[in-house]
Amino acid sequence: MLEESKVQQEQRQFITEAIEEGTEPISRNFAEFTLLALHARNKIDTLQFIFPPYQVAPYVYGTQEIEIPSKVFFDLIHPVYKSMFAIH
């Protein structure tokens, strides 16, 4: 296996640091999100976080998104709102 070049190592380090900083558990890092109702019963089944360019990666990679199924966080939802979410 070939060793990573110094440039590749620097790029990996830069991206790792960007991801760590951009996903640090503070509210501003997760301020952009949407709830997706992809379920047949028109219930919310996905939480999609949107990370603008530069937040977790260089600009050239554009906007980054991550989707979390509602079953992952369903137990954390306030009981008043649980009926809005689908779990499967």
N, C-alpha and C. Protein backbone atom coordinates (compact mmCIF):
# COMPACT_ATOMS: atom_id res chain seq x y z
N MET A 1 0.84 -1.17 0.00
CA MET A 1 0.00 0.00 0.00
C MET A 1 0.89 1.24 0.00
N LEU A 2 0.56 2.21 -0.82
CA LEU A 2 1.33 3.44 -0.90
C LEU A 2 1.03 4.33 0.29
N GLU A 3 2.06 4.99 0.77
CA GLU A 3 1.86 5.95 1.85
C GLU A 3 1.21 7.21 1.32
N GLU A 4 0.41 7.85 2.17
CA GLU A 4 -0.20 9.11 1.78
C GLU A 4 0.88 10.17 1.62
N SER A 5 0.71 10.99 0.62
CA SER A 5 1.65 12.10 0.44
C SER A 5 1.39 13.15 1.52
N LYS A 6 2.33 14.02 1.69
CA LYS A 6 2.19 15.09 2.68
C LYS A 6 0.96 15.95 2.36
N VAL A 7 0.70 16.23 1.09
CA VAL A 7 -0.45 17.02 0.68
C VAL A 7 -1.75 16.30 1.06
N GLN A 8 -1.81 14.99 0.79
CA GLN A 8 -3.00 14.22 1.14
C GLN A 8 -3.22 14.21 2.65
N GLN A 9 -2.16 14.08 3.40
CA GLN A 9 -2.27 14.10 4.86
C GLN A 9 -2.79 15.45 5.35
N GLU A 10 -2.28 16.54 4.76
CA GLU A 10 -2.73 17.88 5.13
C GLU A 10 -4.20 18.08 4.77
N GLN A 11 -4.61 17.58 3.61
CA GLN A 11 -6.01 17.69 3.20
C GLN A 11 -6.91 16.91 4.15
N ARG A 12 -6.51 15.70 4.48
CA ARG A 12 -7.28 14.87 5.41
C ARG A 12 -7.41 15.57 6.76
N GLN A 13 -6.31 16.14 7.25
CA GLN A 13 -6.33 16.85 8.53
C GLN A 13 -7.25 18.06 8.47
N PHE A 14 -7.19 18.82 7.38
CA PHE A 14 -8.03 20.00 7.22
C PHE A 14 -9.51 19.62 7.24
N ILE A 15 -9.87 18.58 6.49
CA ILE A 15 -11.27 18.17 6.41
C ILE A 15 -11.73 17.60 7.76
N THR A 16 -10.88 16.84 8.41
CA THR A 16 -11.22 16.29 9.73
C THR A 16 -11.50 17.42 10.71
N GLU A 17 -10.66 18.43 10.72
CA GLU A 17 -10.86 19.57 11.61
C GLU A 17 -12.13 20.34 11.27
N ALA A 18 -12.40 20.50 9.97
CA ALA A 18 -13.62 21.20 9.54
C ALA A 18 -14.87 20.46 10.00
N ILE A 19 -14.86 19.15 9.86
CA ILE A 19 -16.01 18.35 10.29
C ILE A 19 -16.19 18.44 11.80
N GLU A 20 -15.10 18.28 12.53
CA GLU A 20 -15.19 18.35 14.00
C GLU A 20 -15.69 19.70 14.48
N GLU A 21 -15.18 20.78 13.89
CA GLU A 21 -15.61 22.12 14.29
C GLU A 21 -17.04 22.39 13.84
N GLY A 22 -17.38 22.00 12.62
CA GLY A 22 -18.70 22.27 12.06
C GLY A 22 -19.82 21.44 12.64
N THR A 23 -19.46 20.36 13.34
CA THR A 23 -20.49 19.52 13.97
C THR A 23 -20.37 19.51 15.49
N GLU A 24 -19.58 20.44 16.02
CA GLU A 24 -19.50 20.58 17.47
C GLU A 24 -20.91 20.77 18.01
N PRO A 25 -21.27 20.14 19.12
CA PRO A 25 -22.65 20.20 19.61
C PRO A 25 -23.04 21.56 20.21
N ILE A 26 -23.14 22.55 19.33
CA ILE A 26 -23.65 23.87 19.71
C ILE A 26 -24.75 24.24 18.72
N SER A 27 -25.71 25.01 19.18
CA SER A 27 -26.93 25.25 18.40
C SER A 27 -26.68 25.85 17.02
N ARG A 28 -25.73 26.76 16.89
CA ARG A 28 -25.53 27.40 15.58
C ARG A 28 -25.08 26.41 14.50
N ASN A 29 -24.44 25.32 14.91
CA ASN A 29 -23.99 24.32 13.94
C ASN A 29 -25.14 23.48 13.39
N PHE A 30 -26.28 23.50 14.06
CA PHE A 30 -27.42 22.69 13.63
C PHE A 30 -28.67 23.54 13.44
N ALA A 31 -28.46 24.80 13.11
CA ALA A 31 -29.57 25.75 12.96
C ALA A 31 -30.35 25.55 11.67
N GLU A 32 -29.73 24.98 10.67
CA GLU A 32 -30.40 24.77 9.39
C GLU A 32 -30.81 23.31 9.26
N PHE A 33 -32.12 23.09 9.27
CA PHE A 33 -32.62 21.73 9.16
C PHE A 33 -34.02 21.74 8.57
N THR A 34 -34.46 20.59 8.17
CA THR A 34 -35.82 20.44 7.68
C THR A 34 -36.34 19.09 8.15
N LEU A 35 -37.64 19.00 8.29
CA LEU A 35 -38.29 17.74 8.63
C LEU A 35 -38.92 17.21 7.36
N LEU A 36 -38.61 15.97 7.03
CA LEU A 36 -39.10 15.39 5.79
C LEU A 36 -40.19 14.38 6.07
N ALA A 37 -41.29 14.52 5.34
CA ALA A 37 -42.40 13.58 5.44
C ALA A 37 -42.35 12.66 4.22
N LEU A 38 -41.52 11.65 4.31
CA LEU A 38 -41.35 10.73 3.20
C LEU A 38 -42.18 9.47 3.38
N HIS A 39 -42.83 9.40 4.50
CA HIS A 39 -43.59 8.22 4.86
C HIS A 39 -44.95 8.23 4.15
N ALA A 40 -45.46 7.08 3.83
CA ALA A 40 -46.73 6.95 3.10
C ALA A 40 -47.90 7.60 3.83
N ARG A 41 -47.86 7.63 5.14
CA ARG A 41 -48.96 8.23 5.91
C ARG A 41 -48.77 9.73 6.10
N ASN A 42 -47.82 10.31 5.37
CA ASN A 42 -47.53 11.74 5.44
C ASN A 42 -47.13 12.19 6.84
N LYS A 43 -46.36 11.34 7.50
CA LYS A 43 -45.81 11.69 8.81
C LYS A 43 -44.32 11.93 8.65
N ILE A 44 -43.77 12.72 9.51
CA ILE A 44 -42.35 13.04 9.46
C ILE A 44 -41.56 11.78 9.81
N ASP A 45 -40.64 11.41 8.94
CA ASP A 45 -39.82 10.25 9.25
C ASP A 45 -38.32 10.52 9.14
N THR A 46 -37.96 11.77 8.84
CA THR A 46 -36.54 12.09 8.68
C THR A 46 -36.26 13.52 9.13
N LEU A 47 -35.18 13.69 9.85
CA LEU A 47 -34.66 15.01 10.21
C LEU A 47 -33.42 15.21 9.34
N GLN A 48 -33.43 16.27 8.54
CA GLN A 48 -32.32 16.54 7.63
C GLN A 48 -31.59 17.80 8.09
N PHE A 49 -30.32 17.64 8.45
CA PHE A 49 -29.48 18.79 8.79
C PHE A 49 -28.76 19.24 7.54
N ILE A 50 -28.68 20.56 7.37
CA ILE A 50 -28.05 21.16 6.19
C ILE A 50 -26.85 21.98 6.67
N PHE A 51 -25.70 21.66 6.11
CA PHE A 51 -24.47 22.36 6.46
C PHE A 51 -24.02 23.17 5.25
N PRO A 52 -24.05 24.50 5.35
CA PRO A 52 -23.65 25.33 4.21
C PRO A 52 -22.17 25.16 3.86
N PRO A 53 -21.79 25.59 2.66
CA PRO A 53 -20.37 25.51 2.27
C PRO A 53 -19.48 26.13 3.35
N TYR A 54 -18.34 25.53 3.56
CA TYR A 54 -17.32 25.92 4.53
C TYR A 54 -17.59 25.42 5.95
N GLN A 55 -18.83 25.02 6.27
CA GLN A 55 -19.08 24.61 7.66
C GLN A 55 -18.39 23.29 7.99
N VAL A 56 -18.49 22.32 7.10
CA VAL A 56 -17.89 21.01 7.37
C VAL A 56 -16.95 20.54 6.26
N ALA A 57 -16.84 21.32 5.21
CA ALA A 57 -15.99 20.94 4.08
C ALA A 57 -15.64 22.18 3.25
N PRO A 58 -14.61 22.10 2.44
CA PRO A 58 -14.27 23.22 1.57
C PRO A 58 -15.44 23.60 0.64
N TYR A 59 -15.45 24.83 0.21
CA TYR A 59 -16.52 25.36 -0.64
C TYR A 59 -16.77 24.51 -1.87
N VAL A 60 -15.71 23.97 -2.45
CA VAL A 60 -15.82 23.20 -3.68
C VAL A 60 -16.77 22.00 -3.51
N TYR A 61 -16.94 21.51 -2.29
CA TYR A 61 -17.84 20.38 -2.05
C TYR A 61 -19.30 20.82 -1.87
N GLY A 62 -19.52 22.13 -1.79
CA GLY A 62 -20.88 22.65 -1.71
C GLY A 62 -21.56 22.36 -0.38
N THR A 63 -22.88 22.48 -0.41
CA THR A 63 -23.71 22.24 0.76
C THR A 63 -23.71 20.74 1.08
N GLN A 64 -23.55 20.44 2.34
CA GLN A 64 -23.58 19.04 2.79
C GLN A 64 -24.85 18.80 3.60
N GLU A 65 -25.39 17.61 3.49
CA GLU A 65 -26.63 17.27 4.20
C GLU A 65 -26.47 15.91 4.85
N ILE A 66 -27.15 15.74 5.95
CA ILE A 66 -27.20 14.44 6.61
C ILE A 66 -28.64 14.21 7.03
N GLU A 67 -29.11 12.99 6.82
CA GLU A 67 -30.48 12.64 7.17
C GLU A 67 -30.47 11.63 8.31
N ILE A 68 -31.31 11.90 9.30
CA ILE A 68 -31.41 11.02 10.47
C ILE A 68 -32.85 10.50 10.55
N PRO A 69 -33.03 9.19 10.49
CA PRO A 69 -34.38 8.63 10.57
C PRO A 69 -35.02 8.94 11.92
N SER A 70 -36.31 9.18 11.92
CA SER A 70 -37.00 9.55 13.16
C SER A 70 -36.91 8.46 14.23
N LYS A 71 -36.74 7.21 13.82
CA LYS A 71 -36.63 6.15 14.83
C LYS A 71 -35.40 6.34 15.72
N VAL A 72 -34.40 7.06 15.24
CA VAL A 72 -33.19 7.31 16.02
C VAL A 72 -33.46 8.26 17.19
N PHE A 73 -34.33 9.23 16.98
CA PHE A 73 -34.58 10.24 18.02
C PHE A 73 -36.02 10.24 18.55
N PHE A 74 -36.82 9.28 18.13
CA PHE A 74 -38.24 9.25 18.50
C PHE A 74 -38.45 9.31 20.02
N ASP A 75 -37.66 8.61 20.78
CA ASP A 75 -37.82 8.60 22.24
C ASP A 75 -37.52 9.96 22.87
N LEU A 76 -36.86 10.84 22.15
CA LEU A 76 -36.52 12.17 22.68
C LEU A 76 -37.57 13.23 22.36
N ILE A 77 -38.55 12.88 21.53
CA ILE A 77 -39.58 13.83 21.13
C ILE A 77 -40.59 14.01 22.26
N HIS A 78 -40.97 15.24 22.48
CA HIS A 78 -41.98 15.54 23.51
C HIS A 78 -43.26 14.79 23.15
N PRO A 79 -43.92 14.19 24.11
CA PRO A 79 -45.14 13.41 23.84
C PRO A 79 -46.21 14.14 23.04
N VAL A 80 -46.31 15.44 23.19
CA VAL A 80 -47.31 16.23 22.46
C VAL A 80 -47.10 16.14 20.95
N TYR A 81 -45.86 15.96 20.52
CA TYR A 81 -45.53 15.98 19.09
C TYR A 81 -45.30 14.58 18.49
N LYS A 82 -45.28 13.55 19.29
CA LYS A 82 -44.97 12.21 18.78
C LYS A 82 -45.90 11.75 17.68
N SER A 83 -47.15 12.15 17.72
CA SER A 83 -48.10 11.69 16.71
C SER A 83 -47.78 12.23 15.31
N MET A 84 -46.93 13.25 15.22
CA MET A 84 -46.54 13.83 13.94
C MET A 84 -45.46 13.01 13.24
N PHE A 85 -44.83 12.10 13.97
CA PHE A 85 -43.68 11.36 13.47
C PHE A 85 -43.99 9.90 13.20
N ALA A 86 -43.38 9.38 12.16
CA ALA A 86 -43.49 7.97 11.84
C ALA A 86 -42.23 7.26 12.31
N ILE A 87 -42.40 6.07 12.79
CA ILE A 87 -41.22 5.26 13.10
C ILE A 87 -41.39 3.93 12.41
N HIS A 88 -40.33 3.47 11.81
CA HIS A 88 -40.35 2.18 11.13
C HIS A 88 -38.97 1.62 11.05
